[in-house]
Amino acid sequence: MEPMSDTISLPFAPVYPPPDLVETIEKQARARAEEAVARARQILTEERIKAIKANFLPVGDARQVILDEAKDWSADLIVVGSYGYSALDRFMLGSVSESVAMHAHCSVEVIRE
């Protein structure tokens, strides 16, 4: 009988995207985020709601970023959107709105699409 090895052999090699592709995707995502923030600010302004001006776009897991920012701002209310995914989709993808609602220090309003 052969002794067991401490290493695991995989039937395939892990695939890593080229760094320039990752950089391109990050730039595109940041541009989309900046456009979304600008549009949200425009909508709030049209409704005569004063929006704070932040000079940064937080990066990270959306659930944690929302919770951290709300705590830093001492928010009284967090408003998040929901796509209305099925239970299986939420299980597979995770639900940002559900996680925020469960862990927030303040009230959370979930708006369905």
PDB file of N, CA and C in Angstrom:
ATOM      1  N   MET A   1       0.839  -1.176   0.000  1.00  0.00           N
ATOM      2  CA  MET A   1       0.000   0.000   0.000  1.00  0.00           C
ATOM      3  C   MET A   1       0.887   1.242   0.000  1.00  0.00           C
ATOM      4  N   GLU A   2       0.552   2.208  -0.868  1.00  0.00           N
ATOM      5  CA  GLU A   2       1.340   3.434  -0.974  1.00  0.00           C
ATOM      6  C   GLU A   2       0.990   4.402   0.146  1.00  0.00           C
ATOM      7  N   PRO A   3       1.985   5.126   0.668  1.00  0.00           N
ATOM      8  CA  PRO A   3       1.674   6.129   1.694  1.00  0.00           C
ATOM      9  C   PRO A   3       0.894   7.283   1.077  1.00  0.00           C
ATOM     10  N   MET A   4       0.008   7.896   1.877  1.00  0.00           N
ATOM     11  CA  MET A   4      -0.808   9.018   1.396  1.00  0.00           C
ATOM     12  C   MET A   4       0.061  10.258   1.261  1.00  0.00           C
ATOM     13  N   SER A   5      -0.179  11.008   0.245  1.00  0.00           N
ATOM     14  CA  SER A   5       0.560  12.246  -0.004  1.00  0.00           C
ATOM     15  C   SER A   5      -0.157  13.411   0.682  1.00  0.00           C
ATOM     16  N   ASP A   6       0.599  14.428   1.076  1.00  0.00           N
ATOM     17  CA  ASP A   6       0.014  15.626   1.684  1.00  0.00           C
ATOM     18  C   ASP A   6      -0.542  16.582   0.639  1.00  0.00           C
ATOM     19  N   THR A   7      -0.282  16.326  -0.622  1.00  0.00           N
ATOM     20  CA  THR A   7      -0.764  17.223  -1.662  1.00  0.00           C
ATOM     21  C   THR A   7      -1.948  16.597  -2.371  1.00  0.00           C
ATOM     22  N   ILE A   8      -2.798  17.451  -2.873  1.00  0.00           N
ATOM     23  CA  ILE A   8      -3.970  17.006  -3.617  1.00  0.00           C
ATOM     24  C   ILE A   8      -3.717  17.308  -5.079  1.00  0.00           C
ATOM     25  N   SER A   9      -3.932  16.331  -5.916  1.00  0.00           N
ATOM     26  CA  SER A   9      -3.753  16.590  -7.337  1.00  0.00           C
ATOM     27  C   SER A   9      -5.128  16.854  -7.943  1.00  0.00           C
ATOM     28  N   LEU A  10      -5.217  17.962  -8.659  1.00  0.00           N
ATOM     29  CA  LEU A  10      -6.467  18.347  -9.298  1.00  0.00           C
ATOM     30  C   LEU A  10      -6.479  17.835 -10.733  1.00  0.00           C
ATOM     31  N   PRO A  11      -7.676  17.488 -11.235  1.00  0.00           N
ATOM     32  CA  PRO A  11      -7.748  17.019 -12.621  1.00  0.00           C
ATOM     33  C   PRO A  11      -7.574  18.148 -13.633  1.00  0.00           C
ATOM     34  N   PHE A  12      -7.569  19.397 -13.148  1.00  0.00           N
ATOM     35  CA  PHE A  12      -7.404  20.540 -14.043  1.00  0.00           C
ATOM     36  C   PHE A  12      -6.618  21.618 -13.304  1.00  0.00           C
ATOM     37  N   ALA A  13      -6.009  22.481 -14.034  1.00  0.00           N
ATOM     38  CA  ALA A  13      -5.263  23.589 -13.429  1.00  0.00           C
ATOM     39  C   ALA A  13      -6.207  24.771 -13.230  1.00  0.00           C
ATOM     40  N   PRO A  14      -6.095  25.483 -12.127  1.00  0.00           N
ATOM     41  CA  PRO A  14      -6.944  26.665 -11.931  1.00  0.00           C
ATOM     42  C   PRO A  14      -6.698  27.679 -13.039  1.00  0.00           C
ATOM     43  N   VAL A  15      -7.740  28.370 -13.430  1.00  0.00           N
ATOM     44  CA  VAL A  15      -7.642  29.374 -14.485  1.00  0.00           C
ATOM     45  C   VAL A  15      -7.706  30.750 -13.852  1.00  0.00           C
ATOM     46  N   TYR A  16      -6.720  31.571 -14.121  1.00  0.00           N
ATOM     47  CA  TYR A  16      -6.682  32.933 -13.616  1.00  0.00           C
ATOM     48  C   TYR A  16      -6.756  33.880 -14.805  1.00  0.00           C
ATOM     49  N   PRO A  17      -7.634  34.896 -14.719  1.00  0.00           N
ATOM     50  CA  PRO A  17      -7.710  35.834 -15.840  1.00  0.00           C
ATOM     51  C   PRO A  17      -6.453  36.688 -15.895  1.00  0.00           C
ATOM     52  N   PRO A  18      -6.099  37.157 -17.074  1.00  0.00           N
ATOM     53  CA  PRO A  18      -4.921  38.022 -17.188  1.00  0.00           C
ATOM     54  C   PRO A  18      -5.153  39.319 -16.398  1.00  0.00           C
ATOM     55  N   PRO A  19      -4.101  39.844 -15.767  1.00  0.00           N
ATOM     56  CA  PRO A  19      -4.242  41.059 -14.955  1.00  0.00           C
ATOM     57  C   PRO A  19      -4.849  42.237 -15.711  1.00  0.00           C
ATOM     58  N   ASP A  20      -4.522  42.379 -17.003  1.00  0.00           N
ATOM     59  CA  ASP A  20      -5.083  43.500 -17.758  1.00  0.00           C
ATOM     60  C   ASP A  20      -6.590  43.359 -17.938  1.00  0.00           C
ATOM     61  N   LEU A  21      -7.102  42.131 -18.017  1.00  0.00           N
ATOM     62  CA  LEU A  21      -8.546  41.913 -18.113  1.00  0.00           C
ATOM     63  C   LEU A  21      -9.222  42.293 -16.802  1.00  0.00           C
ATOM     64  N   VAL A  22      -8.627  41.898 -15.696  1.00  0.00           N
ATOM     65  CA  VAL A  22      -9.172  42.245 -14.381  1.00  0.00           C
ATOM     66  C   VAL A  22      -9.215  43.769 -14.224  1.00  0.00           C
ATOM     67  N   GLU A  23      -8.153  44.430 -14.617  1.00  0.00           N
ATOM     68  CA  GLU A  23      -8.087  45.894 -14.519  1.00  0.00           C
ATOM     69  C   GLU A  23      -9.171  46.544 -15.378  1.00  0.00           C
ATOM     70  N   THR A  24      -9.361  46.038 -16.586  1.00  0.00           N
ATOM     71  CA  THR A  24     -10.398  46.568 -17.480  1.00  0.00           C
ATOM     72  C   THR A  24     -11.781  46.392 -16.869  1.00  0.00           C
ATOM     73  N   ILE A  25     -12.055  45.226 -16.327  1.00  0.00           N
ATOM     74  CA  ILE A  25     -13.357  44.959 -15.706  1.00  0.00           C
ATOM     75  C   ILE A  25     -13.576  45.877 -14.508  1.00  0.00           C
ATOM     76  N   GLU A  26     -12.540  46.062 -13.685  1.00  0.00           N
ATOM     77  CA  GLU A  26     -12.656  46.959 -12.526  1.00  0.00           C
ATOM     78  C   GLU A  26     -12.937  48.396 -12.966  1.00  0.00           C
ATOM     79  N   LYS A  27     -12.259  48.864 -14.016  1.00  0.00           N
ATOM     80  CA  LYS A  27     -12.485  50.223 -14.515  1.00  0.00           C
ATOM     81  C   LYS A  27     -13.916  50.382 -15.026  1.00  0.00           C
ATOM     82  N   GLN A  28     -14.409  49.385 -15.752  1.00  0.00           N
ATOM     83  CA  GLN A  28     -15.776  49.442 -16.272  1.00  0.00           C
ATOM     84  C   GLN A  28     -16.793  49.439 -15.127  1.00  0.00           C
ATOM     85  N   ALA A  29     -16.550  48.617 -14.121  1.00  0.00           N
ATOM     86  CA  ALA A  29     -17.451  48.550 -12.975  1.00  0.00           C
ATOM     87  C   ALA A  29     -17.465  49.877 -12.229  1.00  0.00           C
ATOM     88  N   ARG A  30     -16.287  50.478 -12.047  1.00  0.00           N
ATOM     89  CA  ARG A  30     -16.204  51.774 -11.358  1.00  0.00           C
ATOM     90  C   ARG A  30     -16.936  52.849 -12.159  1.00  0.00           C
ATOM     91  N   ALA A  31     -16.805  52.836 -13.482  1.00  0.00           N
ATOM     92  CA  ALA A  31     -17.489  53.820 -14.323  1.00  0.00           C
ATOM     93  C   ALA A  31     -19.008  53.661 -14.205  1.00  0.00           C
ATOM     94  N   ARG A  32     -19.484  52.414 -14.205  1.00  0.00           N
ATOM     95  CA  ARG A  32     -20.926  52.171 -14.039  1.00  0.00           C
ATOM     96  C   ARG A  32     -21.395  52.642 -12.667  1.00  0.00           C
ATOM     97  N   ALA A  33     -20.590  52.414 -11.642  1.00  0.00           N
ATOM     98  CA  ALA A  33     -20.946  52.849 -10.288  1.00  0.00           C
ATOM     99  C   ALA A  33     -21.006  54.372 -10.216  1.00  0.00           C
ATOM    100  N   GLU A  34     -20.036  55.040 -10.826  1.00  0.00           N
ATOM    101  CA  GLU A  34     -20.030  56.503 -10.823  1.00  0.00           C
ATOM    102  C   GLU A  34     -21.255  57.054 -11.547  1.00  0.00           C
ATOM    103  N   GLU A  35     -21.641  56.421 -12.658  1.00  0.00           N
ATOM    104  CA  GLU A  35     -22.842  56.840 -13.391  1.00  0.00           C
ATOM    105  C   GLU A  35     -24.088  56.633 -12.533  1.00  0.00           C
ATOM    106  N   ALA A  36     -24.166  55.523 -11.817  1.00  0.00           N
ATOM    107  CA  ALA A  36     -25.317  55.243 -10.959  1.00  0.00           C
ATOM    108  C   ALA A  36     -25.418  56.262  -9.825  1.00  0.00           C
ATOM    109  N   VAL A  37     -24.288  56.613  -9.235  1.00  0.00           N
ATOM    110  CA  VAL A  37     -24.278  57.608  -8.159  1.00  0.00           C
ATOM    111  C   VAL A  37     -24.713  58.968  -8.697  1.00  0.00           C
ATOM    112  N   ALA A  38     -24.206  59.348  -9.864  1.00  0.00           N
ATOM    113  CA  ALA A  38     -24.582  60.629 -10.462  1.00  0.00           C
ATOM    114  C   ALA A  38     -26.078  60.664 -10.761  1.00  0.00           C
ATOM    115  N   ARG A  39     -26.611  59.573 -11.281  1.00  0.00           N
ATOM    116  CA  ARG A  39     -28.053  59.505 -11.593  1.00  0.00           C
ATOM    117  C   ARG A  39     -28.880  59.565 -10.313  1.00  0.00           C
ATOM    118  N   ALA A  40     -28.461  58.857  -9.283  1.00  0.00           N
ATOM    119  CA  ALA A  40     -29.183  58.889  -8.002  1.00  0.00           C
ATOM    120  C   ALA A  40     -29.176  60.296  -7.423  1.00  0.00           C
ATOM    121  N   ARG A  41     -28.016  60.961  -7.496  1.00  0.00           N
ATOM    122  CA  ARG A  41     -27.920  62.335  -6.989  1.00  0.00           C
ATOM    123  C   ARG A  41     -28.864  63.251  -7.765  1.00  0.00           C
ATOM    124  N   GLN A  42     -28.942  63.044  -9.097  1.00  0.00           N
ATOM    125  CA  GLN A  42     -29.830  63.855  -9.936  1.00  0.00           C
ATOM    126  C   GLN A  42     -31.286  63.640  -9.539  1.00  0.00           C
ATOM    127  N   ILE A  43     -31.689  62.398  -9.332  1.00  0.00           N
ATOM    128  CA  ILE A  43     -33.067  62.087  -8.941  1.00  0.00           C
ATOM    129  C   ILE A  43     -33.395  62.725  -7.594  1.00  0.00           C
ATOM    130  N   LEU A  44     -32.491  62.602  -6.641  1.00  0.00           N
ATOM    131  CA  LEU A  44     -32.722  63.188  -5.320  1.00  0.00           C
ATOM    132  C   LEU A  44     -32.845  64.706  -5.414  1.00  0.00           C
ATOM    133  N   THR A  45     -31.985  65.327  -6.201  1.00  0.00           N
ATOM    134  CA  THR A  45     -32.016  66.780  -6.360  1.00  0.00           C
ATOM    135  C   THR A  45     -33.331  67.222  -6.988  1.00  0.00           C
ATOM    136  N   GLU A  46     -33.802  66.500  -7.996  1.00  0.00           N
ATOM    137  CA  GLU A  46     -35.076  66.833  -8.641  1.00  0.00           C
ATOM    138  C   GLU A  46     -36.240  66.738  -7.662  1.00  0.00           C
ATOM    139  N   GLU A  47     -36.121  65.882  -6.673  1.00  0.00           N
ATOM    140  CA  GLU A  47     -37.174  65.716  -5.661  1.00  0.00           C
ATOM    141  C   GLU A  47     -36.927  66.605  -4.439  1.00  0.00           C
ATOM    142  N   ARG A  48     -35.961  67.500  -4.572  1.00  0.00           N
ATOM    143  CA  ARG A  48     -35.601  68.452  -3.510  1.00  0.00           C
ATOM    144  C   ARG A  48     -35.127  67.762  -2.233  1.00  0.00           C
ATOM    145  N   ILE A  49     -34.396  66.673  -2.430  1.00  0.00           N
ATOM    146  CA  ILE A  49     -33.782  65.960  -1.312  1.00  0.00           C
ATOM    147  C   ILE A  49     -32.290  66.216  -1.394  1.00  0.00           C
ATOM    148  N   LYS A  50     -31.731  66.685  -0.298  1.00  0.00           N
ATOM    149  CA  LYS A  50     -30.307  67.015  -0.291  1.00  0.00           C
ATOM    150  C   LYS A  50     -29.493  65.728  -0.164  1.00  0.00           C
ATOM    151  N   ALA A  51     -28.625  65.518  -1.112  1.00  0.00           N
ATOM    152  CA  ALA A  51     -27.734  64.347  -1.102  1.00  0.00           C
ATOM    153  C   ALA A  51     -26.366  64.783  -0.626  1.00  0.00           C
ATOM    154  N   ILE A  52     -25.761  63.972   0.235  1.00  0.00           N
ATOM    155  CA  ILE A  52     -24.409  64.300   0.658  1.00  0.00           C
ATOM    156  C   ILE A  52     -23.459  64.026  -0.499  1.00  0.00           C
ATOM    157  N   LYS A  53     -22.366  64.722  -0.513  1.00  0.00           N
ATOM    158  CA  LYS A  53     -21.388  64.538  -1.582  1.00  0.00           C
ATOM    159  C   LYS A  53     -20.200  63.768  -1.011  1.00  0.00           C
ATOM    160  N   ALA A  54     -20.012  62.575  -1.484  1.00  0.00           N
ATOM    161  CA  ALA A  54     -18.869  61.761  -1.067  1.00  0.00           C
ATOM    162  C   ALA A  54     -17.861  61.760  -2.204  1.00  0.00           C
ATOM    163  N   ASN A  55     -16.595  61.822  -1.860  1.00  0.00           N
ATOM    164  CA  ASN A  55     -15.543  61.860  -2.870  1.00  0.00           C
ATOM    165  C   ASN A  55     -14.933  60.493  -3.114  1.00  0.00           C
ATOM    166  N   PHE A  56     -15.663  59.446  -2.792  1.00  0.00           N
ATOM    167  CA  PHE A  56     -15.127  58.107  -2.980  1.00  0.00           C
ATOM    168  C   PHE A  56     -16.273  57.151  -3.271  1.00  0.00           C
ATOM    169  N   LEU A  57     -15.942  56.046  -3.878  1.00  0.00           N
ATOM    170  CA  LEU A  57     -16.885  54.950  -4.067  1.00  0.00           C
ATOM    171  C   LEU A  57     -16.323  53.768  -3.287  1.00  0.00           C
ATOM    172  N   PRO A  58     -17.016  53.353  -2.234  1.00  0.00           N
ATOM    173  CA  PRO A  58     -16.501  52.231  -1.443  1.00  0.00           C
ATOM    174  C   PRO A  58     -16.392  50.967  -2.285  1.00  0.00           C
ATOM    175  N   VAL A  59     -15.396  50.162  -1.996  1.00  0.00           N
ATOM    176  CA  VAL A  59     -15.183  48.913  -2.708  1.00  0.00           C
ATOM    177  C   VAL A  59     -15.229  47.775  -1.700  1.00  0.00           C
ATOM    178  N   GLY A  60     -15.888  46.687  -2.068  1.00  0.00           N
ATOM    179  CA  GLY A  60     -15.944  45.530  -1.191  1.00  0.00           C
ATOM    180  C   GLY A  60     -17.276  44.830  -1.298  1.00  0.00           C
ATOM    181  N   ASP A  61     -17.523  43.920  -0.387  1.00  0.00           N
ATOM    182  CA  ASP A  61     -18.781  43.193  -0.341  1.00  0.00           C
ATOM    183  C   ASP A  61     -19.896  44.194  -0.047  1.00  0.00           C
ATOM    184  N   ALA A  62     -20.880  44.291  -0.929  1.00  0.00           N
ATOM    185  CA  ALA A  62     -21.936  45.298  -0.813  1.00  0.00           C
ATOM    186  C   ALA A  62     -22.622  45.254   0.546  1.00  0.00           C
ATOM    187  N   ARG A  63     -22.891  44.068   1.047  1.00  0.00           N
ATOM    188  CA  ARG A  63     -23.572  43.944   2.349  1.00  0.00           C
ATOM    189  C   ARG A  63     -22.778  44.647   3.437  1.00  0.00           C
ATOM    190  N   GLN A  64     -21.497  44.355   3.506  1.00  0.00           N
ATOM    191  CA  GLN A  64     -20.673  44.913   4.572  1.00  0.00           C
ATOM    192  C   GLN A  64     -20.418  46.399   4.371  1.00  0.00           C
ATOM    193  N   VAL A  65     -20.218  46.814   3.122  1.00  0.00           N
ATOM    194  CA  VAL A  65     -19.980  48.236   2.844  1.00  0.00           C
ATOM    195  C   VAL A  65     -21.197  49.054   3.260  1.00  0.00           C
ATOM    196  N   ILE A  66     -22.402  48.599   2.916  1.00  0.00           N
ATOM    197  CA  ILE A  66     -23.625  49.326   3.276  1.00  0.00           C
ATOM    198  C   ILE A  66     -23.756  49.420   4.790  1.00  0.00           C
ATOM    199  N   LEU A  67     -23.558  48.316   5.482  1.00  0.00           N
ATOM    200  CA  LEU A  67     -23.674  48.315   6.944  1.00  0.00           C
ATOM    201  C   LEU A  67     -22.623  49.220   7.586  1.00  0.00           C
ATOM    202  N   ASP A  68     -21.389  49.146   7.115  1.00  0.00           N
ATOM    203  CA  ASP A  68     -20.320  49.974   7.674  1.00  0.00           C
ATOM    204  C   ASP A  68     -20.579  51.462   7.444  1.00  0.00           C
ATOM    205  N   GLU A  69     -20.968  51.818   6.218  1.00  0.00           N
ATOM    206  CA  GLU A  69     -21.229  53.225   5.905  1.00  0.00           C
ATOM    207  C   GLU A  69     -22.408  53.757   6.706  1.00  0.00           C
ATOM    208  N   ALA A  70     -23.461  52.960   6.839  1.00  0.00           N
ATOM    209  CA  ALA A  70     -24.633  53.391   7.607  1.00  0.00           C
ATOM    210  C   ALA A  70     -24.257  53.645   9.062  1.00  0.00           C
ATOM    211  N   LYS A  71     -23.417  52.787   9.601  1.00  0.00           N
ATOM    212  CA  LYS A  71     -22.971  52.969  10.986  1.00  0.00           C
ATOM    213  C   LYS A  71     -22.097  54.217  11.105  1.00  0.00           C
ATOM    214  N   ASP A  72     -21.167  54.418  10.157  1.00  0.00           N
ATOM    215  CA  ASP A  72     -20.294  55.600  10.185  1.00  0.00           C
ATOM    216  C   ASP A  72     -21.097  56.896  10.098  1.00  0.00           C
ATOM    217  N   TRP A  73     -22.190  56.881   9.330  1.00  0.00           N
ATOM    218  CA  TRP A  73     -23.013  58.075   9.151  1.00  0.00           C
ATOM    219  C   TRP A  73     -24.045  58.227  10.266  1.00  0.00           C
ATOM    220  N   SER A  74     -24.151  57.235  11.153  1.00  0.00           N
ATOM    221  CA  SER A  74     -25.210  57.204  12.169  1.00  0.00           C
ATOM    222  C   SER A  74     -26.579  57.296  11.499  1.00  0.00           C
ATOM    223  N   ALA A  75     -26.751  56.497  10.464  1.00  0.00           N
ATOM    224  CA  ALA A  75     -27.994  56.524   9.686  1.00  0.00           C
ATOM    225  C   ALA A  75     -29.181  56.070  10.527  1.00  0.00           C
ATOM    226  N   ASP A  76     -30.326  56.684  10.259  1.00  0.00           N
ATOM    227  CA  ASP A  76     -31.574  56.282  10.894  1.00  0.00           C
ATOM    228  C   ASP A  76     -32.328  55.294  10.019  1.00  0.00           C
ATOM    229  N   LEU A  77     -32.014  55.300   8.723  1.00  0.00           N
ATOM    230  CA  LEU A  77     -32.740  54.462   7.769  1.00  0.00           C
ATOM    231  C   LEU A  77     -31.811  54.092   6.625  1.00  0.00           C
ATOM    232  N   ILE A  78     -31.870  52.837   6.202  1.00  0.00           N
ATOM    233  CA  ILE A  78     -31.161  52.361   5.016  1.00  0.00           C
ATOM    234  C   ILE A  78     -32.234  51.953   4.016  1.00  0.00           C
ATOM    235  N   VAL A  79     -32.125  52.420   2.796  1.00  0.00           N
ATOM    236  CA  VAL A  79     -33.057  52.034   1.734  1.00  0.00           C
ATOM    237  C   VAL A  79     -32.269  51.221   0.715  1.00  0.00           C
ATOM    238  N   VAL A  80     -32.713  49.993   0.469  1.00  0.00           N
ATOM    239  CA  VAL A  80     -32.055  49.116  -0.495  1.00  0.00           C
ATOM    240  C   VAL A  80     -33.094  48.571  -1.460  1.00  0.00           C
ATOM    241  N   GLY A  81     -32.645  48.225  -2.644  1.00  0.00           N
ATOM    242  CA  GLY A  81     -33.526  47.632  -3.631  1.00  0.00           C
ATOM    243  C   GLY A  81     -33.468  46.121  -3.568  1.00  0.00           C
ATOM    244  N   SER A  82     -34.494  45.496  -4.134  1.00  0.00           N
ATOM    245  CA  SER A  82     -34.540  44.039  -4.202  1.00  0.00           C
ATOM    246  C   SER A  82     -35.060  43.635  -5.570  1.00  0.00           C
ATOM    247  N   TYR A  83     -34.396  42.658  -6.170  1.00  0.00           N
ATOM    248  CA  TYR A  83     -34.831  42.174  -7.478  1.00  0.00           C
ATOM    249  C   TYR A  83     -35.982  41.189  -7.364  1.00  0.00           C
ATOM    250  N   GLY A  84     -36.260  40.688  -6.180  1.00  0.00           N
ATOM    251  CA  GLY A  84     -37.332  39.723  -6.007  1.00  0.00           C
ATOM    252  C   GLY A  84     -36.950  38.336  -6.478  1.00  0.00           C
ATOM    253  N   TYR A  85     -35.696  37.956  -6.259  1.00  0.00           N
ATOM    254  CA  TYR A  85     -35.243  36.622  -6.638  1.00  0.00           C
ATOM    255  C   TYR A  85     -35.992  35.544  -5.861  1.00  0.00           C
ATOM    256  N   SER A  86     -36.019  34.355  -6.415  1.00  0.00           N
ATOM    257  CA  SER A  86     -36.631  33.217  -5.729  1.00  0.00           C
ATOM    258  C   SER A  86     -35.732  32.792  -4.568  1.00  0.00           C
ATOM    259  N   ALA A  87     -36.253  31.939  -3.716  1.00  0.00           N
ATOM    260  CA  ALA A  87     -35.480  31.458  -2.558  1.00  0.00           C
ATOM    261  C   ALA A  87     -34.193  30.769  -3.025  1.00  0.00           C
ATOM    262  N   LEU A  88     -34.263  29.993  -4.106  1.00  0.00           N
ATOM    263  CA  LEU A  88     -33.080  29.298  -4.612  1.00  0.00           C
ATOM    264  C   LEU A  88     -32.038  30.308  -5.108  1.00  0.00           C
ATOM    265  N   ASP A  89     -32.495  31.322  -5.847  1.00  0.00           N
ATOM    266  CA  ASP A  89     -31.568  32.357  -6.329  1.00  0.00           C
ATOM    267  C   ASP A  89     -30.904  33.073  -5.159  1.00  0.00           C
ATOM    268  N   ARG A  90     -31.698  33.413  -4.139  1.00  0.00           N
ATOM    269  CA  ARG A  90     -31.131  34.099  -2.970  1.00  0.00           C
ATOM    270  C   ARG A  90     -30.109  33.205  -2.279  1.00  0.00           C
ATOM    271  N   PHE A  91     -30.406  31.907  -2.219  1.00  0.00           N
ATOM    272  CA  PHE A  91     -29.470  30.972  -1.599  1.00  0.00           C
ATOM    273  C   PHE A  91     -28.177  30.906  -2.394  1.00  0.00           C
ATOM    274  N   MET A  92     -28.293  30.838  -3.713  1.00  0.00           N
ATOM    275  CA  MET A  92     -27.117  30.700  -4.560  1.00  0.00           C
ATOM    276  C   MET A  92     -26.328  32.016  -4.667  1.00  0.00           C
ATOM    277  N   LEU A  93     -27.016  33.127  -4.817  1.00  0.00           N
ATOM    278  CA  LEU A  93     -26.366  34.413  -5.042  1.00  0.00           C
ATOM    279  C   LEU A  93     -26.151  35.208  -3.762  1.00  0.00           C
ATOM    280  N   GLY A  94     -26.950  34.919  -2.763  1.00  0.00           N
ATOM    281  CA  GLY A  94     -26.941  35.751  -1.559  1.00  0.00           C
ATOM    282  C   GLY A  94     -27.834  36.949  -1.801  1.00  0.00           C
ATOM    283  N   SER A  95     -28.449  37.442  -0.768  1.00  0.00           N
ATOM    284  CA  SER A  95     -29.321  38.591  -0.914  1.00  0.00           C
ATOM    285  C   SER A  95     -28.752  39.746  -0.114  1.00  0.00           C
ATOM    286  N   VAL A  96     -28.351  40.793  -0.811  1.00  0.00           N
ATOM    287  CA  VAL A  96     -27.810  41.968  -0.144  1.00  0.00           C
ATOM    288  C   VAL A  96     -28.883  42.585   0.744  1.00  0.00           C
ATOM    289  N   SER A  97     -30.089  42.783   0.191  1.00  0.00           N
ATOM    290  CA  SER A  97     -31.140  43.439   0.969  1.00  0.00           C
ATOM    291  C   SER A  97     -31.504  42.629   2.212  1.00  0.00           C
ATOM    292  N   GLU A  98     -31.578  41.317   2.069  1.00  0.00           N
ATOM    293  CA  GLU A  98     -31.917  40.467   3.217  1.00  0.00           C
ATOM    294  C   GLU A  98     -30.826  40.541   4.285  1.00  0.00           C
ATOM    295  N   SER A  99     -29.586  40.480   3.881  1.00  0.00           N
ATOM    296  CA  SER A  99     -28.475  40.546   4.822  1.00  0.00           C
ATOM    297  C   SER A  99     -28.430  41.897   5.534  1.00  0.00           C
ATOM    298  N   VAL A 100     -28.626  42.980   4.781  1.00  0.00           N
ATOM    299  CA  VAL A 100     -28.618  44.308   5.377  1.00  0.00           C
ATOM    300  C   VAL A 100     -29.766  44.426   6.379  1.00  0.00           C
ATOM    301  N   ALA A 101     -30.954  43.970   5.989  1.00  0.00           N
ATOM    302  CA  ALA A 101     -32.109  44.048   6.884  1.00  0.00           C
ATOM    303  C   ALA A 101     -31.886  43.255   8.172  1.00  0.00           C
ATOM    304  N   MET A 102     -31.200  42.131   8.071  1.00  0.00           N
ATOM    305  CA  MET A 102     -30.985  41.279   9.246  1.00  0.00           C
ATOM    306  C   MET A 102     -29.911  41.837  10.184  1.00  0.00           C
ATOM    307  N   HIS A 103     -28.945  42.586   9.657  1.00  0.00           N
ATOM    308  CA  HIS A 103     -27.795  42.979  10.462  1.00  0.00           C
ATOM    309  C   HIS A 103     -27.660  44.479  10.728  1.00  0.00           C
ATOM    310  N   ALA A 104     -28.542  45.288  10.177  1.00  0.00           N
ATOM    311  CA  ALA A 104     -28.419  46.739  10.321  1.00  0.00           C
ATOM    312  C   ALA A 104     -28.718  47.188  11.746  1.00  0.00           C
ATOM    313  N   HIS A 105     -28.078  48.277  12.146  1.00  0.00           N
ATOM    314  CA  HIS A 105     -28.303  48.859  13.472  1.00  0.00           C
ATOM    315  C   HIS A 105     -29.513  49.784  13.482  1.00  0.00           C
ATOM    316  N   CYS A 106     -30.085  50.028  12.290  1.00  0.00           N
ATOM    317  CA  CYS A 106     -31.217  50.951  12.162  1.00  0.00           C
ATOM    318  C   CYS A 106     -32.288  50.312  11.296  1.00  0.00           C
ATOM    319  N   SER A 107     -33.345  51.048  11.036  1.00  0.00           N
ATOM    320  CA  SER A 107     -34.426  50.554  10.181  1.00  0.00           C
ATOM    321  C   SER A 107     -33.936  50.397   8.744  1.00  0.00           C
ATOM    322  N   VAL A 108     -34.551  49.432   8.037  1.00  0.00           N
ATOM    323  CA  VAL A 108     -34.202  49.168   6.640  1.00  0.00           C
ATOM    324  C   VAL A 108     -35.498  49.112   5.833  1.00  0.00           C
ATOM    325  N   GLU A 109     -35.535  49.863   4.749  1.00  0.00           N
ATOM    326  CA  GLU A 109     -36.668  49.836   3.827  1.00  0.00           C
ATOM    327  C   GLU A 109     -36.201  49.110   2.572  1.00  0.00           C
ATOM    328  N   VAL A 110     -36.894  48.014   2.217  1.00  0.00           N
ATOM    329  CA  VAL A 110     -36.548  47.250   1.022  1.00  0.00           C
ATOM    330  C   VAL A 110     -37.576  47.597  -0.049  1.00  0.00           C
ATOM    331  N   ILE A 111     -37.097  48.105  -1.176  1.00  0.00           N
ATOM    332  CA  ILE A 111     -37.942  48.492  -2.292  1.00  0.00           C
ATOM    333  C   ILE A 111     -37.820  47.419  -3.364  1.00  0.00           C
ATOM    334  N   ARG A 112     -38.954  46.863  -3.759  1.00  0.00           N
ATOM    335  CA  ARG A 112     -38.940  45.823  -4.804  1.00  0.00           C
ATOM    336  C   ARG A 112     -39.016  46.463  -6.169  1.00  0.00           C
ATOM    337  N   GLU A 113     -38.375  45.806  -7.124  1.00  0.00           N
ATOM    338  CA  GLU A 113     -38.356  46.298  -8.505  1.00  0.00           C
ATOM    339  C   GLU A 113     -39.756  46.283  -9.075  1.00  0.00           C
TER     340      GLU A 113
END
